[in-house]
Amino acid sequence: MTGFATVLPAGRKRRGEGHTRREEILHAAKDLFLEQGYDSTTIRRIADRVGISAPALYLYFKDKEALMLALCDQTFGHLIEAIGEIEKTIADPLQRVRRFGEAYAHFGLTHPDEYRLVFLGANIPESIRKVGHRAPTDDPTQPGVGGALVFKRLVEFLSELETSGTKLNYPPDTCAELCWMGIHGLVAAMIMKPEFPWSDRELLINGMLDIHLKGILRNP
């Protein structure tokens, strides 16, 4: 009996090829969201960029929002790993807070595309923004809670600092918000204004952390 070869449309990949298909889809979605904006990007365009059919893409992600949430979690996953290293290697609570700020800034500046998409995307739907700020105690296994988990660790670092005997000028969650706003502002400015003749990057990061730590720590 003669077998018939299955002819695939040009550019399509056979089912089962590529164990990194999910990563390919996320990479294509990230590029298209940055190039064309979230609203203008369709599932079909993402599938075409990967070289698969739209129905095949739905086997991995149910819709465009699920893709965006996965990209958010992927981005925050890198920060969660960095925080884990801080917890393993740094015992001093104050140094943990400082290292957190350094890790956050370094991540943003070395991953400008991811940072721009997750933190600076002007047209990301409100539904996704709300999920990103969901309290991690709601259900940490659900998509989109990575950002809340990262922020929760910063609050915990500051609470540990206060428990160790260091007086804070504000509650730990307020201190965390102040620190985040400062470092986020620095990272966002350097990403959005690359043409500006910025001075030494490490001096800027350390200077920003010095300013905020002096502001939140109460003098004896």
C-alpha atoms as a PDB file:
ATOM      1  CA  MET A   1       0.000   0.000   0.000  1.00  0.00           C
ATOM      2  CA  THR A   2       1.389   3.353  -1.037  1.00  0.00           C
ATOM      3  CA  GLY A   3       1.556   6.031   1.659  1.00  0.00           C
ATOM      4  CA  PHE A   4       0.662   9.627   0.960  1.00  0.00           C
ATOM      5  CA  ALA A   5       2.919  12.422   2.182  1.00  0.00           C
ATOM      6  CA  THR A   6       1.150  15.161   4.068  1.00  0.00           C
ATOM      7  CA  VAL A   7       1.761  18.522   2.458  1.00  0.00           C
ATOM      8  CA  LEU A   8       1.963  21.347   4.979  1.00  0.00           C
ATOM      9  CA  PRO A   9       1.447  25.000   4.122  1.00  0.00           C
ATOM     10  CA  ALA A  10       4.667  26.898   3.521  1.00  0.00           C
ATOM     11  CA  GLY A  11       6.373  27.852   6.757  1.00  0.00           C
ATOM     12  CA  ARG A  12       4.289  25.492   8.900  1.00  0.00           C
ATOM     13  CA  LYS A  13       5.997  23.097  11.287  1.00  0.00           C
ATOM     14  CA  ARG A  14       4.904  19.501  11.741  1.00  0.00           C
ATOM     15  CA  ARG A  15       3.046  18.689  14.918  1.00  0.00           C
ATOM     16  CA  GLY A  16       5.418  17.506  17.595  1.00  0.00           C
ATOM     17  CA  GLU A  17       8.470  19.241  16.150  1.00  0.00           C
ATOM     18  CA  GLY A  18      10.347  21.559  18.465  1.00  0.00           C
ATOM     19  CA  HIS A  19      10.253  20.861  22.193  1.00  0.00           C
ATOM     20  CA  THR A  20      10.679  24.595  22.676  1.00  0.00           C
ATOM     21  CA  ARG A  21       7.424  25.479  20.918  1.00  0.00           C
ATOM     22  CA  ARG A  22       5.953  27.236  23.957  1.00  0.00           C
ATOM     23  CA  GLU A  23       9.063  29.405  24.278  1.00  0.00           C
ATOM     24  CA  GLU A  24       8.938  30.169  20.559  1.00  0.00           C
ATOM     25  CA  ILE A  25       5.351  31.355  20.923  1.00  0.00           C
ATOM     26  CA  LEU A  26       6.213  33.558  23.901  1.00  0.00           C
ATOM     27  CA  HIS A  27       9.204  35.036  22.089  1.00  0.00           C
ATOM     28  CA  ALA A  28       7.103  35.822  19.018  1.00  0.00           C
ATOM     29  CA  ALA A  29       4.338  37.335  21.143  1.00  0.00           C
ATOM     30  CA  LYS A  30       6.817  39.533  23.009  1.00  0.00           C
ATOM     31  CA  ASP A  31       8.333  40.817  19.768  1.00  0.00           C
ATOM     32  CA  LEU A  32       4.960  41.547  18.191  1.00  0.00           C
ATOM     33  CA  PHE A  33       3.565  43.224  21.315  1.00  0.00           C
ATOM     34  CA  LEU A  34       6.607  45.510  21.296  1.00  0.00           C
ATOM     35  CA  GLU A  35       6.544  46.116  17.543  1.00  0.00           C
ATOM     36  CA  GLN A  36       2.818  46.569  16.973  1.00  0.00           C
ATOM     37  CA  GLY A  37       1.290  47.020  20.414  1.00  0.00           C
ATOM     38  CA  TYR A  38      -0.892  44.620  22.360  1.00  0.00           C
ATOM     39  CA  ASP A  39      -4.151  45.788  20.781  1.00  0.00           C
ATOM     40  CA  SER A  40      -2.919  45.446  17.191  1.00  0.00           C
ATOM     41  CA  THR A  41      -1.388  42.005  17.652  1.00  0.00           C
ATOM     42  CA  THR A  42      -3.595  39.031  16.828  1.00  0.00           C
ATOM     43  CA  ILE A  43      -3.242  35.352  17.624  1.00  0.00           C
ATOM     44  CA  ARG A  44      -2.990  34.676  13.887  1.00  0.00           C
ATOM     45  CA  ARG A  45      -0.035  37.055  13.541  1.00  0.00           C
ATOM     46  CA  ILE A  46       1.727  35.398  16.445  1.00  0.00           C
ATOM     47  CA  ALA A  47       1.102  31.958  14.963  1.00  0.00           C
ATOM     48  CA  ASP A  48       2.387  33.101  11.570  1.00  0.00           C
ATOM     49  CA  ARG A  49       5.557  34.463  13.182  1.00  0.00           C
ATOM     50  CA  VAL A  50       6.186  31.084  14.831  1.00  0.00           C
ATOM     51  CA  GLY A  51       5.267  29.116  11.723  1.00  0.00           C
ATOM     52  CA  ILE A  52       2.257  27.247  13.087  1.00  0.00           C
ATOM     53  CA  SER A  53      -1.493  27.510  12.626  1.00  0.00           C
ATOM     54  CA  ALA A  54      -3.683  29.543  14.960  1.00  0.00           C
ATOM     55  CA  PRO A  55      -5.509  26.400  16.180  1.00  0.00           C
ATOM     56  CA  ALA A  56      -2.115  24.871  17.039  1.00  0.00           C
ATOM     57  CA  LEU A  57      -1.221  27.930  19.108  1.00  0.00           C
ATOM     58  CA  TYR A  58      -4.426  27.539  21.108  1.00  0.00           C
ATOM     59  CA  LEU A  59      -3.105  24.202  22.331  1.00  0.00           C
ATOM     60  CA  TYR A  60      -0.576  26.197  24.373  1.00  0.00           C
ATOM     61  CA  PHE A  61      -2.449  29.406  25.242  1.00  0.00           C
ATOM     62  CA  LYS A  62      -6.202  29.914  25.349  1.00  0.00           C
ATOM     63  CA  ASP A  63      -6.066  33.558  24.257  1.00  0.00           C
ATOM     64  CA  LYS A  64      -3.903  36.652  23.918  1.00  0.00           C
ATOM     65  CA  GLU A  65      -4.384  37.614  27.553  1.00  0.00           C
ATOM     66  CA  ALA A  66      -2.995  34.241  28.651  1.00  0.00           C
ATOM     67  CA  LEU A  67       0.071  34.930  26.512  1.00  0.00           C
ATOM     68  CA  MET A  68       0.603  38.318  28.122  1.00  0.00           C
ATOM     69  CA  LEU A  69       0.206  36.874  31.606  1.00  0.00           C
ATOM     70  CA  ALA A  70       2.760  34.172  30.790  1.00  0.00           C
ATOM     71  CA  LEU A  71       5.208  36.837  29.615  1.00  0.00           C
ATOM     72  CA  CYS A  72       4.680  38.744  32.862  1.00  0.00           C
ATOM     73  CA  ASP A  73       5.316  35.631  34.939  1.00  0.00           C
ATOM     74  CA  GLN A  74       8.374  34.771  32.857  1.00  0.00           C
ATOM     75  CA  THR A  75       9.788  38.245  33.486  1.00  0.00           C
ATOM     76  CA  PHE A  76       9.061  38.187  37.208  1.00  0.00           C
ATOM     77  CA  GLY A  77      10.421  34.649  37.388  1.00  0.00           C
ATOM     78  CA  HIS A  78      13.908  36.002  36.714  1.00  0.00           C
ATOM     79  CA  LEU A  79      13.513  38.453  39.588  1.00  0.00           C
ATOM     80  CA  ILE A  80      12.222  35.726  41.891  1.00  0.00           C
ATOM     81  CA  GLU A  81      15.344  33.679  41.108  1.00  0.00           C
ATOM     82  CA  ALA A  82      17.555  36.678  41.918  1.00  0.00           C
ATOM     83  CA  ILE A  83      15.714  37.194  45.205  1.00  0.00           C
ATOM     84  CA  GLY A  84      16.263  33.536  46.048  1.00  0.00           C
ATOM     85  CA  GLU A  85      20.002  34.014  45.604  1.00  0.00           C
ATOM     86  CA  ILE A  86      19.909  37.021  47.915  1.00  0.00           C
ATOM     87  CA  GLU A  87      18.170  34.961  50.585  1.00  0.00           C
ATOM     88  CA  LYS A  88      20.758  32.194  50.260  1.00  0.00           C
ATOM     89  CA  THR A  89      23.843  34.396  50.345  1.00  0.00           C
ATOM     90  CA  ILE A  90      22.946  37.490  52.390  1.00  0.00           C
ATOM     91  CA  ALA A  91      21.962  37.300  56.066  1.00  0.00           C
ATOM     92  CA  ASP A  92      21.993  40.986  57.041  1.00  0.00           C
ATOM     93  CA  PRO A  93      18.458  42.443  56.614  1.00  0.00           C
ATOM     94  CA  LEU A  94      19.667  45.875  55.479  1.00  0.00           C
ATOM     95  CA  GLN A  95      21.965  44.372  52.864  1.00  0.00           C
ATOM     96  CA  ARG A  96      19.098  42.213  51.656  1.00  0.00           C
ATOM     97  CA  VAL A  97      17.020  45.318  50.984  1.00  0.00           C
ATOM     98  CA  ARG A  98      19.894  46.987  49.150  1.00  0.00           C
ATOM     99  CA  ARG A  99      20.688  43.897  47.115  1.00  0.00           C
ATOM    100  CA  PHE A 100      17.021  43.602  46.191  1.00  0.00           C
ATOM    101  CA  GLY A 101      17.148  47.111  44.730  1.00  0.00           C
ATOM    102  CA  GLU A 102      20.361  46.348  42.877  1.00  0.00           C
ATOM    103  CA  ALA A 103      18.956  43.110  41.455  1.00  0.00           C
ATOM    104  CA  TYR A 104      15.782  44.853  40.313  1.00  0.00           C
ATOM    105  CA  ALA A 105      17.683  47.658  38.595  1.00  0.00           C
ATOM    106  CA  HIS A 106      20.192  45.349  36.946  1.00  0.00           C
ATOM    107  CA  PHE A 107      17.439  43.100  35.644  1.00  0.00           C
ATOM    108  CA  GLY A 108      15.518  45.986  34.115  1.00  0.00           C
ATOM    109  CA  LEU A 109      18.564  47.529  32.481  1.00  0.00           C
ATOM    110  CA  THR A 110      19.826  44.234  31.055  1.00  0.00           C
ATOM    111  CA  HIS A 111      16.345  43.181  29.844  1.00  0.00           C
ATOM    112  CA  PRO A 112      14.942  46.455  28.477  1.00  0.00           C
ATOM    113  CA  ASP A 113      12.456  44.803  26.100  1.00  0.00           C
ATOM    114  CA  GLU A 114      10.889  42.685  28.821  1.00  0.00           C
ATOM    115  CA  TYR A 115      10.838  45.624  31.223  1.00  0.00           C
ATOM    116  CA  ARG A 116       9.295  47.929  28.636  1.00  0.00           C
ATOM    117  CA  LEU A 117       6.578  45.410  27.841  1.00  0.00           C
ATOM    118  CA  VAL A 118       5.635  44.464  31.411  1.00  0.00           C
ATOM    119  CA  PHE A 119       6.135  47.775  33.234  1.00  0.00           C
ATOM    120  CA  LEU A 120       5.836  50.455  30.564  1.00  0.00           C
ATOM    121  CA  GLY A 121       3.250  49.025  28.154  1.00  0.00           C
ATOM    122  CA  ALA A 122       0.686  51.796  27.801  1.00  0.00           C
ATOM    123  CA  ASN A 123      -1.938  49.700  26.019  1.00  0.00           C
ATOM    124  CA  ILE A 124      -1.958  46.614  28.220  1.00  0.00           C
ATOM    125  CA  PRO A 125      -5.587  45.874  29.194  1.00  0.00           C
ATOM    126  CA  GLU A 126      -6.729  46.849  32.665  1.00  0.00           C
ATOM    127  CA  SER A 127      -7.751  43.244  33.307  1.00  0.00           C
ATOM    128  CA  ILE A 128      -4.100  42.202  33.040  1.00  0.00           C
ATOM    129  CA  ARG A 129      -2.876  45.110  35.157  1.00  0.00           C
ATOM    130  CA  LYS A 130      -5.294  44.120  37.929  1.00  0.00           C
ATOM    131  CA  VAL A 131      -4.187  40.485  37.838  1.00  0.00           C
ATOM    132  CA  GLY A 132      -0.588  41.623  38.119  1.00  0.00           C
ATOM    133  CA  HIS A 133      -1.381  43.415  41.376  1.00  0.00           C
ATOM    134  CA  ARG A 134      -3.414  40.576  42.887  1.00  0.00           C
ATOM    135  CA  ALA A 135      -2.369  39.659  46.398  1.00  0.00           C
ATOM    136  CA  PRO A 136      -0.248  36.494  46.119  1.00  0.00           C
ATOM    137  CA  THR A 137      -2.266  34.876  48.895  1.00  0.00           C
ATOM    138  CA  ASP A 138      -5.238  34.678  46.510  1.00  0.00           C
ATOM    139  CA  ASP A 139      -3.665  31.753  44.666  1.00  0.00           C
ATOM    140  CA  PRO A 140       0.074  31.823  43.902  1.00  0.00           C
ATOM    141  CA  THR A 141      -0.328  29.004  41.364  1.00  0.00           C
ATOM    142  CA  GLN A 142      -2.471  31.121  39.067  1.00  0.00           C
ATOM    143  CA  PRO A 143      -0.960  33.056  36.124  1.00  0.00           C
ATOM    144  CA  GLY A 144      -0.072  36.682  36.604  1.00  0.00           C
ATOM    145  CA  VAL A 145       0.840  36.808  40.301  1.00  0.00           C
ATOM    146  CA  GLY A 146       4.619  36.979  39.840  1.00  0.00           C
ATOM    147  CA  GLY A 147       4.734  40.733  40.352  1.00  0.00           C
ATOM    148  CA  ALA A 148       2.826  40.499  43.615  1.00  0.00           C
ATOM    149  CA  LEU A 149       5.194  37.777  44.820  1.00  0.00           C
ATOM    150  CA  VAL A 150       8.224  39.959  44.087  1.00  0.00           C
ATOM    151  CA  PHE A 151       6.733  42.922  45.923  1.00  0.00           C
ATOM    152  CA  LYS A 152       5.735  40.695  48.854  1.00  0.00           C
ATOM    153  CA  ARG A 153       9.365  39.636  49.297  1.00  0.00           C
ATOM    154  CA  LEU A 154      10.511  43.256  49.444  1.00  0.00           C
ATOM    155  CA  VAL A 155       7.925  43.971  52.147  1.00  0.00           C
ATOM    156  CA  GLU A 156       9.132  40.899  54.043  1.00  0.00           C
ATOM    157  CA  PHE A 157      12.766  42.026  53.791  1.00  0.00           C
ATOM    158  CA  LEU A 158      11.788  45.387  55.270  1.00  0.00           C
ATOM    159  CA  SER A 159       9.737  43.708  58.001  1.00  0.00           C
ATOM    160  CA  GLU A 160      12.764  41.564  58.873  1.00  0.00           C
ATOM    161  CA  LEU A 161      14.858  44.724  59.004  1.00  0.00           C
ATOM    162  CA  GLU A 162      12.413  46.288  61.460  1.00  0.00           C
ATOM    163  CA  THR A 163      12.281  43.109  63.550  1.00  0.00           C
ATOM    164  CA  SER A 164      16.081  43.139  63.783  1.00  0.00           C
ATOM    165  CA  GLY A 165      15.881  46.440  65.661  1.00  0.00           C
ATOM    166  CA  THR A 166      16.188  49.009  62.874  1.00  0.00           C
ATOM    167  CA  LYS A 167      13.502  51.681  63.123  1.00  0.00           C
ATOM    168  CA  LEU A 168      11.608  52.565  59.949  1.00  0.00           C
ATOM    169  CA  ASN A 169      10.017  55.956  59.306  1.00  0.00           C
ATOM    170  CA  TYR A 170       6.994  54.309  57.693  1.00  0.00           C
ATOM    171  CA  PRO A 171       5.276  50.913  57.702  1.00  0.00           C
ATOM    172  CA  PRO A 172       7.157  48.217  55.748  1.00  0.00           C
ATOM    173  CA  ASP A 173       4.662  48.201  52.869  1.00  0.00           C
ATOM    174  CA  THR A 174       4.944  51.983  52.484  1.00  0.00           C
ATOM    175  CA  CYS A 175       8.741  51.749  52.587  1.00  0.00           C
ATOM    176  CA  ALA A 176       8.589  49.047  49.908  1.00  0.00           C
ATOM    177  CA  GLU A 177       6.446  51.253  47.682  1.00  0.00           C
ATOM    178  CA  LEU A 178       8.831  54.186  48.103  1.00  0.00           C
ATOM    179  CA  CYS A 179      11.854  52.047  47.256  1.00  0.00           C
ATOM    180  CA  TRP A 180      10.126  50.513  44.250  1.00  0.00           C
ATOM    181  CA  MET A 181       9.002  53.883  42.889  1.00  0.00           C
ATOM    182  CA  GLY A 182      12.540  55.220  43.078  1.00  0.00           C
ATOM    183  CA  ILE A 183      14.280  52.274  41.410  1.00  0.00           C
ATOM    184  CA  HIS A 184      11.496  51.850  38.853  1.00  0.00           C
ATOM    185  CA  GLY A 185      11.763  55.529  37.952  1.00  0.00           C
ATOM    186  CA  LEU A 186      15.508  55.225  37.446  1.00  0.00           C
ATOM    187  CA  VAL A 187      15.215  52.118  35.283  1.00  0.00           C
ATOM    188  CA  ALA A 188      12.325  53.513  33.242  1.00  0.00           C
ATOM    189  CA  ALA A 189      14.148  56.784  32.580  1.00  0.00           C
ATOM    190  CA  MET A 190      17.326  55.046  31.415  1.00  0.00           C
ATOM    191  CA  ILE A 191      15.372  52.689  29.152  1.00  0.00           C
ATOM    192  CA  MET A 192      13.114  55.353  27.650  1.00  0.00           C
ATOM    193  CA  LYS A 193      15.863  57.957  27.237  1.00  0.00           C
ATOM    194  CA  PRO A 194      18.908  56.006  25.992  1.00  0.00           C
ATOM    195  CA  GLU A 195      20.142  59.087  24.116  1.00  0.00           C
ATOM    196  CA  PHE A 196      20.605  61.029  27.372  1.00  0.00           C
ATOM    197  CA  PRO A 197      24.274  61.198  28.459  1.00  0.00           C
ATOM    198  CA  TRP A 198      23.736  59.300  31.702  1.00  0.00           C
ATOM    199  CA  SER A 199      26.597  59.185  34.169  1.00  0.00           C
ATOM    200  CA  ASP A 200      27.965  55.910  35.560  1.00  0.00           C
ATOM    201  CA  ARG A 201      25.150  53.361  35.841  1.00  0.00           C
ATOM    202  CA  GLU A 202      26.345  51.814  39.110  1.00  0.00           C
ATOM    203  CA  LEU A 203      26.734  55.224  40.723  1.00  0.00           C
ATOM    204  CA  LEU A 204      23.178  56.095  39.765  1.00  0.00           C
ATOM    205  CA  ILE A 205      21.808  52.835  41.166  1.00  0.00           C
ATOM    206  CA  ASN A 206      23.763  53.112  44.414  1.00  0.00           C
ATOM    207  CA  GLY A 207      22.923  56.799  44.754  1.00  0.00           C
ATOM    208  CA  MET A 208      19.210  56.135  44.340  1.00  0.00           C
ATOM    209  CA  LEU A 209      19.361  53.367  46.947  1.00  0.00           C
ATOM    210  CA  ASP A 210      21.307  55.608  49.345  1.00  0.00           C
ATOM    211  CA  ILE A 211      18.666  58.326  49.030  1.00  0.00           C
ATOM    212  CA  HIS A 212      15.757  55.983  49.657  1.00  0.00           C
ATOM    213  CA  LEU A 213      17.368  54.036  52.474  1.00  0.00           C
ATOM    214  CA  LYS A 214      18.236  57.271  54.273  1.00  0.00           C
ATOM    215  CA  GLY A 215      14.644  58.373  53.815  1.00  0.00           C
ATOM    216  CA  ILE A 216      13.003  55.249  55.214  1.00  0.00           C
ATOM    217  CA  LEU A 217      15.443  54.528  58.069  1.00  0.00           C
ATOM    218  CA  ARG A 218      14.869  56.461  61.283  1.00  0.00           C
ATOM    219  CA  ASN A 219      17.940  58.055  62.801  1.00  0.00           C
ATOM    220  CA  PRO A 220      18.662  56.827  66.347  1.00  0.00           C
END
